[in-house]
Protein backbone atom coordinates (compact mmCIF):
# COMPACT_ATOMS: atom_id res chain seq x y z
CA MET A 1 41.69 -18.16 9.35
CA ASP A 2 41.60 -14.44 8.63
CA TYR A 3 41.37 -12.81 12.05
CA GLY A 4 39.69 -9.40 12.25
CA ALA A 5 37.69 -9.86 9.04
CA PRO A 6 33.90 -9.49 9.44
CA ARG A 7 31.97 -12.71 9.15
CA PRO A 8 29.54 -12.83 6.25
CA VAL A 9 25.97 -12.25 7.33
CA ASP A 10 23.64 -15.10 6.47
CA GLY A 11 19.92 -14.72 6.03
CA PRO A 12 17.20 -14.15 3.44
CA ARG A 13 18.23 -11.77 0.69
CA CYS A 14 16.22 -9.48 -1.55
CA PRO A 15 15.96 -10.91 -5.11
CA ARG A 16 16.59 -7.48 -6.62
CA HIS A 17 19.44 -6.61 -4.24
CA PRO A 18 21.27 -9.87 -3.37
CA ASP A 19 23.75 -8.05 -1.11
CA THR A 20 20.98 -6.91 1.23
CA VAL A 21 19.75 -9.20 3.99
CA THR A 22 16.14 -8.59 4.98
CA TYR A 23 13.62 -10.42 7.13
CA VAL A 24 10.62 -8.53 5.71
CA THR A 25 8.57 -10.49 3.18
CA CYS A 26 6.05 -9.44 0.58
CA GLN A 27 2.46 -10.11 1.62
CA ARG A 28 1.63 -11.37 -1.88
CA CYS A 29 4.50 -13.54 -3.07
CA GLY A 30 6.24 -14.19 0.26
CA ARG A 31 9.70 -13.31 -1.07
CA PRO A 32 12.13 -11.21 1.00
CA THR A 33 12.02 -7.54 0.09
CA CYS A 34 14.54 -4.90 1.15
CA PRO A 35 13.60 -1.33 2.18
CA SER A 36 14.30 -0.06 -1.36
CA CYS A 37 11.80 -2.50 -2.85
CA GLN A 38 9.09 -2.29 -0.17
CA ARG A 39 5.80 -0.65 -1.10
CA PRO A 40 3.32 0.07 1.72
CA ALA A 41 0.05 -1.86 1.49
CA SER A 42 -3.11 -1.95 3.57
CA VAL A 43 -1.55 -4.87 5.46
CA GLY A 44 2.24 -5.15 5.53
CA VAL A 45 4.23 -4.37 2.41
CA HIS A 46 4.37 -5.53 -1.19
CA CYS A 47 7.44 -5.86 -3.38
CA THR A 48 7.89 -3.78 -6.51
CA ASP A 49 7.28 -6.79 -8.77
CA CYS A 50 3.88 -7.53 -7.23
CA VAL A 51 2.88 -3.87 -7.37
CA ALA A 52 3.84 -3.67 -11.04
CA ALA A 53 1.93 -6.89 -11.78
CA ALA A 54 -1.16 -5.55 -10.02
CA HIS A 55 -1.04 -2.39 -12.13
CA ARG A 56 -0.73 -4.43 -15.32
CA ASN A 57 -3.69 -6.61 -14.35
CA ARG A 58 -6.07 -3.69 -13.90
CA PRO A 59 -8.91 -3.55 -16.41
CA PRO A 60 -8.06 -1.25 -19.34
CA ALA A 61 -10.95 1.10 -18.51
CA VAL A 62 -9.63 1.57 -14.97
CA ARG A 63 -6.08 2.23 -16.20
CA ARG A 64 -7.33 4.82 -18.66
CA ALA A 65 -9.47 6.51 -16.00
CA LEU A 66 -6.60 6.69 -13.51
CA ARG A 67 -4.22 8.10 -16.10
CA ALA A 68 -6.81 10.70 -17.08
CA HIS A 69 -7.36 11.60 -13.44
CA ASP A 70 -3.65 12.24 -12.84
CA GLN A 71 -3.33 14.57 -15.83
CA PRO A 72 -3.55 18.30 -14.97
CA TRP A 73 -6.44 18.94 -17.36
CA VAL A 74 -7.57 22.09 -15.55
CA THR A 75 -4.12 23.61 -15.99
CA TYR A 76 -4.03 22.62 -19.65
CA GLY A 77 -7.53 24.01 -20.09
CA MET A 78 -6.54 27.38 -18.64
CA ILE A 79 -3.50 27.55 -20.90
CA ALA A 80 -5.60 26.72 -23.95
CA LEU A 81 -8.24 29.30 -23.00
CA ILE A 82 -5.84 32.21 -22.46
CA SER A 83 -3.98 31.26 -25.67
CA VAL A 84 -7.16 31.39 -27.74
CA ILE A 85 -8.18 34.69 -26.17
CA TYR A 86 -4.69 36.08 -26.80
CA LEU A 87 -5.08 35.32 -30.50
CA GLY A 88 -8.36 37.21 -30.34
CA GLN A 89 -6.56 40.13 -28.71
CA LEU A 90 -4.03 40.20 -31.52
CA ALA A 91 -6.88 40.26 -34.04
CA SER A 92 -8.93 42.97 -32.33
CA ASP A 93 -8.26 45.54 -29.62
CA GLU A 94 -11.91 45.25 -28.56
CA VAL A 95 -11.19 41.93 -26.82
CA THR A 96 -8.71 43.55 -24.44
CA ALA A 97 -10.90 46.64 -23.95
CA THR A 98 -13.92 44.47 -23.09
CA LEU A 99 -12.35 41.91 -20.76
CA ALA A 100 -9.60 43.80 -18.88
CA LEU A 101 -10.16 45.16 -15.39
CA VAL A 102 -10.77 48.91 -15.24
CA PRO A 103 -12.07 49.66 -11.73
CA LEU A 104 -14.02 52.69 -12.87
CA LEU A 105 -16.02 50.55 -15.32
CA SER A 106 -16.30 47.26 -13.48
CA TRP A 107 -19.29 48.16 -11.30
CA HIS A 108 -21.46 48.33 -14.40
CA GLU A 109 -19.50 45.63 -16.26
CA PRO A 110 -18.93 43.06 -13.51
CA TRP A 111 -17.54 40.34 -15.78
CA ARG A 112 -14.30 42.32 -15.77
CA LEU A 113 -13.78 41.31 -12.14
CA VAL A 114 -12.84 37.80 -13.32
CA THR A 115 -12.14 38.00 -17.06
CA ASN A 116 -9.14 40.25 -16.49
CA ALA A 117 -7.19 37.09 -15.65
CA LEU A 118 -7.82 35.73 -19.14
CA VAL A 119 -6.27 38.58 -21.15
CA HIS A 120 -2.64 39.67 -21.50
CA ASP A 121 -0.72 42.55 -22.99
CA PRO A 122 -0.94 41.99 -26.77
CA ASN A 123 2.10 44.22 -27.32
CA PHE A 124 4.32 42.24 -24.93
CA PRO A 125 4.38 38.50 -25.75
CA LEU A 126 6.63 37.71 -22.78
CA HIS A 127 3.66 38.55 -20.54
CA ILE A 128 1.65 35.52 -21.59
CA ILE A 129 4.74 33.33 -22.12
CA GLY A 130 5.91 33.88 -18.53
CA ASN A 131 2.47 33.17 -17.12
CA VAL A 132 2.09 30.00 -19.20
CA LEU A 133 5.46 28.73 -17.95
CA LEU A 134 4.39 29.41 -14.36
CA LEU A 135 1.15 27.48 -14.87
CA VAL A 136 2.94 24.54 -16.49
CA LEU A 137 5.67 24.27 -13.86
CA LEU A 138 3.54 24.66 -10.75
CA GLY A 139 0.06 23.66 -11.90
CA ARG A 140 1.19 20.13 -12.72
CA ALA A 141 2.25 19.69 -9.09
CA VAL A 142 -0.59 21.50 -7.33
CA GLU A 143 -3.56 20.20 -9.36
CA PRO A 144 -3.03 16.47 -8.61
CA ALA A 145 -2.38 17.27 -4.95
CA LEU A 146 -5.52 19.37 -4.50
CA GLY A 147 -7.79 17.51 -6.90
CA LYS A 148 -9.30 19.00 -10.03
CA LEU A 149 -12.37 20.59 -8.46
CA ARG A 150 -10.53 22.17 -5.55
CA TYR A 151 -7.76 23.35 -7.84
CA ALA A 152 -10.24 24.96 -10.24
CA MET A 153 -12.07 26.65 -7.37
CA MET A 154 -8.78 27.85 -5.89
CA CYS A 155 -7.84 29.42 -9.24
CA LEU A 156 -11.22 31.16 -9.46
CA ILE A 157 -10.86 32.49 -5.92
CA SER A 158 -7.31 33.69 -6.67
CA ALA A 159 -8.49 35.59 -9.76
CA LEU A 160 -11.25 37.30 -7.79
CA GLY A 161 -8.85 37.93 -4.91
CA GLY A 162 -6.50 39.76 -7.26
CA THR A 163 -9.35 42.04 -8.31
CA VAL A 164 -10.24 42.77 -4.68
CA GLY A 165 -6.59 43.59 -3.99
CA VAL A 166 -6.57 46.15 -6.82
CA LEU A 167 -9.86 47.75 -5.77
CA TRP A 168 -8.89 48.22 -2.13
CA THR A 169 -5.30 49.42 -2.67
CA THR A 170 -6.05 52.04 -5.31
CA SER A 171 -8.18 55.15 -4.92
CA PRO A 172 -10.98 56.41 -7.16
CA PRO A 173 -10.86 59.97 -8.53
CA GLU A 174 -11.92 62.77 -6.21
CA GLY A 175 -14.55 64.86 -7.93
CA VAL A 176 -13.32 65.59 -11.41
CA ARG A 177 -9.61 65.56 -10.50
CA PHE A 178 -7.64 62.37 -10.97
CA THR A 179 -5.31 62.28 -7.99
CA ASP A 180 -4.74 58.54 -8.44
CA THR A 181 -4.86 56.89 -11.86
CA GLY A 182 -5.41 53.45 -10.33
CA TRP A 183 -9.12 53.40 -11.08
CA ILE A 184 -8.73 54.34 -14.73
CA SER A 185 -5.80 52.01 -15.40
CA THR A 186 -6.06 48.64 -17.11
CA TYR A 187 -5.21 45.47 -15.18
CA LEU A 188 -4.83 42.13 -16.92
CA GLY A 189 -3.03 38.79 -16.73
CA ILE A 190 -3.38 35.39 -15.11
CA SER A 191 -0.45 36.12 -12.81
CA THR A 192 -2.97 36.63 -9.99
CA VAL A 193 -3.81 32.94 -10.36
CA GLY A 194 -0.10 32.15 -10.65
CA TYR A 195 0.53 33.75 -7.26
CA GLY A 196 -2.40 31.78 -5.87
CA ILE A 197 -0.83 28.55 -7.15
CA MET A 198 2.54 29.44 -5.60
CA CYS A 199 0.94 30.08 -2.22
CA ALA A 200 -1.15 26.91 -2.61
CA LEU A 201 2.05 24.90 -3.08
CA LEU A 202 3.48 26.51 0.05
CA ILE A 203 0.46 25.41 2.09
CA LEU A 204 0.61 21.89 0.63
CA GLU A 205 4.27 21.54 1.60
CA ILE A 206 3.53 22.80 5.10
CA ARG A 207 0.64 20.33 5.45
CA ARG A 208 2.80 17.38 4.40
CA ARG A 209 5.80 18.68 6.37
CA GLY A 210 7.80 18.84 3.18
CA GLU A 211 10.52 21.14 1.88
CA VAL A 212 9.20 24.71 1.99
CA ARG A 213 12.47 26.54 1.36
CA SER A 214 12.36 26.31 -2.44
CA ILE A 215 8.80 27.56 -2.88
CA ALA A 216 9.36 30.28 -0.25
CA VAL A 217 12.40 31.54 -2.19
CA LEU A 218 10.38 31.46 -5.43
CA ILE A 219 7.61 33.53 -3.82
CA MET A 220 10.10 36.07 -2.45
CA ILE A 221 11.78 36.45 -5.85
CA ASN A 222 8.43 37.07 -7.53
CA VAL A 223 7.38 39.55 -4.84
CA ALA A 224 10.64 41.46 -5.27
CA PHE A 225 10.09 41.44 -9.04
CA SER A 226 6.56 42.80 -8.61
CA LEU A 227 7.72 45.61 -6.34
CA THR A 228 10.70 46.74 -8.38
CA VAL A 229 9.56 46.46 -12.00
CA SER A 230 7.21 49.11 -13.36
CA ASN A 231 3.82 48.38 -14.94
CA ILE A 232 3.32 45.33 -12.73
CA SER A 233 0.34 45.26 -10.37
CA TRP A 234 1.70 44.20 -7.00
CA GLN A 235 -1.82 44.77 -5.67
CA GLY A 236 -3.29 42.05 -7.87
CA HIS A 237 -0.43 39.69 -7.05
CA LEU A 238 -0.90 40.28 -3.34
CA GLY A 239 -4.66 39.71 -3.51
CA GLY A 240 -4.35 36.62 -5.69
CA GLY A 241 -1.66 35.08 -3.50
CA MET A 242 -3.53 35.67 -0.24
CA ALA A 243 -6.78 34.35 -1.70
CA GLY A 244 -5.05 31.22 -3.03
CA LEU A 245 -3.33 30.67 0.31
CA LEU A 246 -6.59 30.95 2.24
CA ALA A 247 -8.50 28.72 -0.18
CA THR A 248 -5.85 25.98 -0.07
CA TRP A 249 -5.61 26.12 3.70
CA VAL A 250 -9.39 25.67 3.97
CA PHE A 251 -9.60 22.97 1.30
CA THR A 252 -6.85 20.88 2.91
CA ARG A 253 -8.14 20.96 6.46
CA PRO A 254 -7.83 17.39 7.81
CA SER A 255 -11.43 17.37 9.04
CA THR A 256 -12.92 18.09 5.62
CA SER A 257 -10.44 16.75 3.08
CA ARG A 258 -8.03 14.04 2.17
CA GLN A 259 -4.38 14.60 2.90
CA PRO A 260 -2.71 16.46 0.05
CA GLY A 261 0.13 14.98 -1.89
CA GLY A 262 0.99 11.86 -3.83
CA SER A 263 0.17 9.55 -0.92
CA GLY A 264 -3.38 10.82 -0.69
CA THR A 265 -6.18 8.69 -2.10
CA THR A 266 -8.30 10.55 -4.60
CA ILE A 267 -12.07 10.55 -4.51
CA PHE A 268 -12.21 8.77 -7.86
CA ARG A 269 -9.88 5.98 -6.76
CA ARG A 270 -11.81 5.41 -3.57
CA ILE A 271 -15.08 5.19 -5.47
CA ILE A 272 -13.86 2.59 -7.97
CA SER A 273 -12.11 0.53 -5.28
CA ASP A 274 -14.92 0.48 -2.72
CA THR A 275 -17.76 -2.01 -2.90
CA THR A 276 -19.72 -1.18 0.23
CA GLY A 277 -20.81 2.35 -0.55
CA THR A 278 -19.28 3.95 2.56
CA VAL A 279 -16.35 5.51 0.76
CA VAL A 280 -18.63 6.74 -2.01
CA ALA A 281 -20.60 8.68 0.59
CA GLN A 282 -17.34 10.07 1.98
CA GLY A 283 -16.30 11.23 -1.49
CA LEU A 284 -19.62 12.93 -2.03
CA SER A 285 -19.33 14.68 1.32
CA GLU A 286 -15.90 16.00 0.29
CA LEU A 287 -17.45 17.36 -2.89
CA GLY A 288 -20.13 19.04 -0.81
CA TRP A 289 -17.59 20.63 1.54
CA THR A 290 -15.61 21.95 -1.42
CA LEU A 291 -18.69 23.63 -2.85
CA VAL A 292 -19.72 25.04 0.53
CA TRP A 293 -16.30 26.57 1.19
CA THR A 294 -16.11 27.91 -2.37
CA ILE A 295 -19.50 29.62 -2.05
CA LEU A 296 -18.48 31.14 1.28
CA MET A 297 -15.15 32.48 0.01
CA VAL A 298 -16.57 33.79 -3.27
CA GLY A 299 -19.36 35.42 -1.27
CA LEU A 300 -16.81 37.03 1.04
CA LEU A 301 -14.81 38.40 -1.89
CA GLY A 302 -18.00 39.55 -3.59
CA ALA A 303 -18.98 41.41 -0.43
CA ALA A 304 -15.54 43.06 -0.44
CA VAL A 305 -16.13 44.24 -4.01
CA VAL A 306 -19.59 45.61 -3.21
CA GLY A 307 -18.29 47.25 -0.04
CA ARG A 308 -15.52 49.00 -1.94
CA TYR A 309 -17.89 50.42 -4.55
CA ALA A 310 -20.30 51.45 -1.80
CA LEU A 311 -17.62 53.82 -0.49
CA VAL A 312 -17.18 55.54 -3.85
CA ALA A 313 -18.82 58.91 -4.46
CA PRO A 314 -22.09 58.56 -6.42
CA LEU A 315 -20.65 60.58 -9.30
CA TRP A 316 -18.12 57.84 -10.02
CA GLY A 317 -20.00 54.65 -9.23
CA GLY A 318 -21.36 52.64 -6.38
CA PHE A 319 -24.95 52.49 -5.20
CA GLY A 320 -25.72 56.08 -6.18
CA VAL A 321 -25.47 55.47 -9.90
C-alpha cells in the first residue's frame, strides 16, 4: 500500500471533463455537469449539450430573428450614412457648407445642430477613418447591451449634446468685432457621438459591476488628445460625452429598463418566448419609457440651444432677428 498518496475520489463525473467529480445534474438530460459546462436556466442548470440542442431545434424564423437582433445594425447604418455623405463632400463643397455646424448660422438653419455629426473634413481622410473605427469597436458592444432603440436615441442625444457644448463654451462676436472666432468656425464630425458611446460603455460597466479601468483609460487618452491637438473641438467632445453618459444612465435605470449586458433579456426575446401577454406589456412599457426619456432630454437640450441664442445680441441672431 502506498502510504501518503491521496485516495482517488469516487463519484459522478462530467462527461466532457472525466477528471472532474460533480454532484450537479442537468435539468434536461440528468447527466452530471461540472461548473465549466453548467448553463443557468430558469430552474437549476443545463449542460452545454442540451443548450446547443435547444438552439438547433429553434424554428428557422426564430433563429434568423435572434441573429438579426444581435447585429449592431444601427452602428452599421451610421457608418454607411456618413460614408455616403463623405463621398458627396468629395464631389461638392456645398455638402460640407450646408450641413456643418456654424453657430452664427445655425439659428436660421437649425438642421446644422444635428447634421454636423454626419460630415467630416474632406481634406483629411483620417478624420472619418478614425471615427468609423471608434464606432465599429465600441458600437458593437454598446448597441446590443442598450438595445437598438435606446442606442439610437443615445447617439442622437450625444450629437445634440455636442452642439450645445460648442454653443455654450464659445462666444459670439461683440458688435462688429470678432473677439472670438468660435461662432464663425466650422464644426463637424461624428466624434461627438463617439464620445457619447465611450461614456455609455462606462455607465454599462458600472451598472454590471464590470471592469471599468480599460474604458476609463480610453476616455482619458481621448480627452488628452482633444486638449492637446489643434483643430479639435474639445467643447463638442465634452458635450457629446456628457449627454451620452446622462442618456445611458437614465435608460439603464433598474426601475425602467432591463439590466444591460449579455445576460439581459431583450424585449424581442421576451415577446417571442411569452405566451400569456404579460411580458409583451412589459416590453411595450419599456418602449414607452425610452420615448418619454428621449423627449425630455431632447427638449432639455433644445431649451439650452434656444436659451443660448436668446442671450445673443439681436444684430447677430437670437429672438431679435
